[in-house]
Structure formats: structure tokens, C-alpha cells
Protein backbone atom coordinates (compact mmCIF):
# COMPACT_ATOMS: atom_id res chain seq x y z
CA UNK A 1 37.20 -27.45 11.07
CA UNK A 2 34.69 -28.33 8.43
CA UNK A 3 35.73 -29.46 4.97
CA UNK A 4 33.68 -28.01 2.13
CA UNK A 5 33.78 -28.77 -1.54
CA UNK A 6 33.20 -25.94 -4.00
CA UNK A 7 30.34 -26.75 -6.37
CA UNK A 8 32.11 -24.73 -9.05
CA UNK A 9 35.63 -26.07 -8.98
CA UNK A 10 35.32 -29.24 -6.91
CA UNK A 11 38.20 -28.02 -4.73
CA UNK A 12 38.15 -28.95 -1.06
CA UNK A 13 38.61 -26.19 1.52
CA UNK A 14 39.02 -26.22 5.29
CA UNK A 15 36.48 -23.79 6.75
CA UNK A 16 35.84 -22.51 10.26
CA UNK A 17 32.52 -23.90 11.66
CA UNK A 18 31.03 -20.38 11.94
CA UNK A 19 31.80 -19.69 8.30
CA UNK A 20 30.42 -23.08 7.34
CA UNK A 21 27.16 -22.16 9.08
CA UNK A 22 27.08 -18.85 7.19
CA UNK A 23 27.66 -20.72 3.93
CA UNK A 24 24.61 -22.89 4.58
CA UNK A 25 22.59 -19.66 4.53
CA UNK A 26 24.47 -18.12 1.61
CA UNK A 27 22.78 -17.23 -1.66
CA UNK A 28 22.41 -19.86 -4.38
CA UNK A 29 25.50 -20.85 -6.35
CA UNK A 30 27.57 -17.98 -7.56
CA UNK A 31 31.05 -16.91 -6.66
CA UNK A 32 32.03 -19.39 -3.93
CA UNK A 33 35.01 -17.24 -2.89
CA UNK A 34 32.86 -14.17 -2.25
CA UNK A 35 30.55 -16.25 -0.09
CA UNK A 36 33.56 -17.27 1.99
CA UNK A 37 34.88 -13.73 2.26
CA UNK A 38 31.47 -12.09 2.72
CA UNK A 39 29.23 -14.53 4.58
CA UNK A 40 26.51 -11.89 4.88
CA UNK A 41 26.44 -11.33 1.13
CA UNK A 42 23.41 -9.44 -0.12
CA UNK A 43 22.35 -9.61 -3.76
CA UNK A 44 21.70 -5.85 -3.82
CA UNK A 45 24.07 -3.14 -2.63
CA UNK A 46 23.49 -1.85 0.88
CA UNK A 47 21.72 1.47 1.26
CA UNK A 48 23.90 4.53 1.43
CA UNK A 49 23.53 6.65 4.58
CA UNK A 50 21.91 9.44 2.57
CA UNK A 51 19.29 6.94 1.29
CA UNK A 52 18.41 6.08 4.88
CA UNK A 53 18.07 9.78 5.67
CA UNK A 54 15.65 10.15 2.76
CA UNK A 55 13.69 7.14 3.99
CA UNK A 56 13.52 8.56 7.51
CA UNK A 57 12.45 11.94 6.14
CA UNK A 58 9.70 10.27 4.12
CA UNK A 59 8.45 8.31 7.15
CA UNK A 60 8.52 11.44 9.29
CA UNK A 61 6.67 13.44 6.63
CA UNK A 62 4.00 10.74 6.29
CA UNK A 63 3.58 10.59 10.06
CA UNK A 64 3.34 14.37 10.40
CA UNK A 65 0.80 14.43 7.59
CA UNK A 66 -1.34 11.88 9.43
CA UNK A 67 -1.04 13.83 12.67
CA UNK A 68 -2.27 17.00 10.97
CA UNK A 69 -4.92 15.63 8.61
CA UNK A 70 -6.58 12.77 10.48
CA UNK A 71 -9.35 14.26 12.60
CA UNK A 72 -10.98 12.62 15.59
CA UNK A 73 -14.70 13.50 15.54
CA UNK A 74 -15.18 13.25 19.31
CA UNK A 75 -12.61 12.91 22.09
CA UNK A 76 -14.30 12.48 25.44
CA UNK A 77 -12.80 10.73 28.46
CA UNK A 78 -13.38 11.37 32.13
CA UNK A 79 -10.86 10.14 34.72
CA UNK A 80 -9.49 7.54 32.30
CA UNK A 81 -5.92 6.22 32.37
CA UNK A 82 -3.75 7.84 29.74
CA UNK A 83 -2.65 4.37 28.62
CA UNK A 84 -6.24 3.60 27.65
CA UNK A 85 -6.66 6.96 25.93
CA UNK A 86 -3.48 6.48 23.88
CA UNK A 87 -4.63 2.98 22.90
CA UNK A 88 -7.98 4.42 21.80
CA UNK A 89 -6.24 7.21 19.81
CA UNK A 90 -4.05 4.58 18.10
CA UNK A 91 -7.15 2.54 17.19
CA UNK A 92 -8.88 5.66 15.87
CA UNK A 93 -5.84 6.54 13.77
CA UNK A 94 -6.03 3.12 12.09
CA UNK A 95 -9.77 3.48 11.47
CA UNK A 96 -9.39 7.01 10.05
CA UNK A 97 -6.26 6.37 7.97
CA UNK A 98 -7.08 5.59 4.29
CA UNK A 99 -4.22 3.04 4.27
CA UNK A 100 -5.38 1.65 7.66
CA UNK A 101 -1.87 1.90 9.10
CA UNK A 102 -2.50 4.57 11.72
CA UNK A 103 0.23 5.75 14.04
CA UNK A 104 2.34 3.83 16.52
CA UNK A 105 3.20 5.11 19.97
CA UNK A 106 6.49 4.54 21.77
CA UNK A 107 6.48 5.45 25.46
CA UNK A 108 9.65 6.61 27.18
CA UNK A 109 7.92 7.30 30.47
CA UNK A 110 7.30 5.42 33.68
CA UNK A 111 4.27 3.11 33.80
CA UNK A 112 2.92 5.08 36.77
CA UNK A 113 2.53 8.12 34.54
CA UNK A 114 0.51 6.13 32.02
CA UNK A 115 -1.82 4.93 34.77
CA UNK A 116 -2.71 8.46 35.88
CA UNK A 117 -6.30 9.47 35.15
CA UNK A 118 -6.96 12.13 32.53
CA UNK A 119 -10.13 13.97 31.53
CA UNK A 120 -10.46 15.44 28.04
CA UNK A 121 -13.43 16.67 26.06
CA UNK A 122 -13.00 17.97 22.49
CA UNK A 123 -14.73 17.61 19.16
CA UNK A 124 -13.33 17.44 15.64
CA UNK A 125 -9.66 17.67 16.59
CA UNK A 126 -6.62 16.75 14.52
CA UNK A 127 -4.70 13.75 15.80
CA UNK A 128 -1.74 15.87 16.91
CA UNK A 129 -4.01 18.11 19.01
CA UNK A 130 -5.65 15.10 20.65
CA UNK A 131 -2.21 13.74 21.58
CA UNK A 132 -1.11 17.18 22.77
CA UNK A 133 -4.14 17.53 25.08
CA UNK A 134 -3.33 14.24 26.79
CA UNK A 135 0.45 14.75 26.98
CA UNK A 136 0.19 18.29 28.35
CA UNK A 137 -2.22 17.20 31.07
CA UNK A 138 0.47 14.73 32.23
CA UNK A 139 3.37 17.20 31.83
CA UNK A 140 4.74 15.13 28.92
CA UNK A 141 5.69 15.96 25.35
CA UNK A 142 5.52 14.09 22.07
CA UNK A 143 7.76 14.00 19.01
CA UNK A 144 7.33 12.43 15.58
CA UNK A 145 10.39 10.26 14.99
CA UNK A 146 11.23 7.19 12.93
CA UNK A 147 7.63 6.67 11.91
CA UNK A 148 6.33 6.65 15.51
CA UNK A 149 4.96 9.11 18.02
CA UNK A 150 7.45 9.21 20.89
CA UNK A 151 5.93 10.10 24.27
CA UNK A 152 8.58 11.53 26.63
CA UNK A 153 8.89 13.50 29.84
CA UNK A 154 8.93 17.24 29.36
CA UNK A 155 12.48 18.47 29.99
């Protein structure tokens, strides 16, 4: 047990060590009792589930917009690992994006698949088409989710 003294009332309280640790990271003085009862107190109310859905929809919309509107002037690779091509596409997306954020890739495939050589040759293609050319050549698919391009096996 740890004994704490309330800065507001001066009262001494016996507190569990885990709660005492949480209190050390609690917000500045306020309602001492709420800090004890809610050690993970946040000064602003937590987001409602529908707010998170709106946030996810916004991220997905922004990502889909980038995939459709960012155009790669020249996509040419011969017998190059798909891992290297995806890295190059990600770098191009950052360079072409006005906010310089680009797109992130998340791979849910075996490393062996990403090491397979791919040959592609296209000019002035939207980002989503460039990704589609590479994924289809490897019998994969891609989805825009949670602000990232998810690369998955075709099912």
C-alpha cells in the first residue's frame, strides 16, 4: 500500500501501488476522487463510435482520392521484385501528393510473394491502376482500408 495525501483536502488515503502509479501520471490538480476512480482520466470526452466511423470514412475517402487522382508519369520495371516496385510506388505517391503524405502499404502476404519478379510498362497511369497491374501479375488484390493500401492474397 502507498499512502497519498490529497492536495485539496489534506486527507490521507491508502492506495494500491498500481493506482498510485496511475496518479503520478494523472492530470494536474482537479478532482482528486475522480483521478482515483478513473486513473485514465482524459480532459476531453472519448470519441463516440459514430465519430470513429466518420473519421475512418474520411481517411478512406482521402486515400481513394489519392489513388484515383495521383498519376505516375512512367511505370517501367523489368524482372524487378514486387517489394521494390511497391516501395517505388510509395515514394512516388509522396512526391506527387500535394501534402507529401502519399500512401502507405500494408502487406498481408508471404515474403516469398513479394520477392517474385514482375515486369510492367505503362505511362501516365493513376496510382490505383499502377498498384492493380502489380497485384494482378502476382495473383493478389488490394483494398483501401484505414488509411492504407492493404495487399492481400486473392481469395
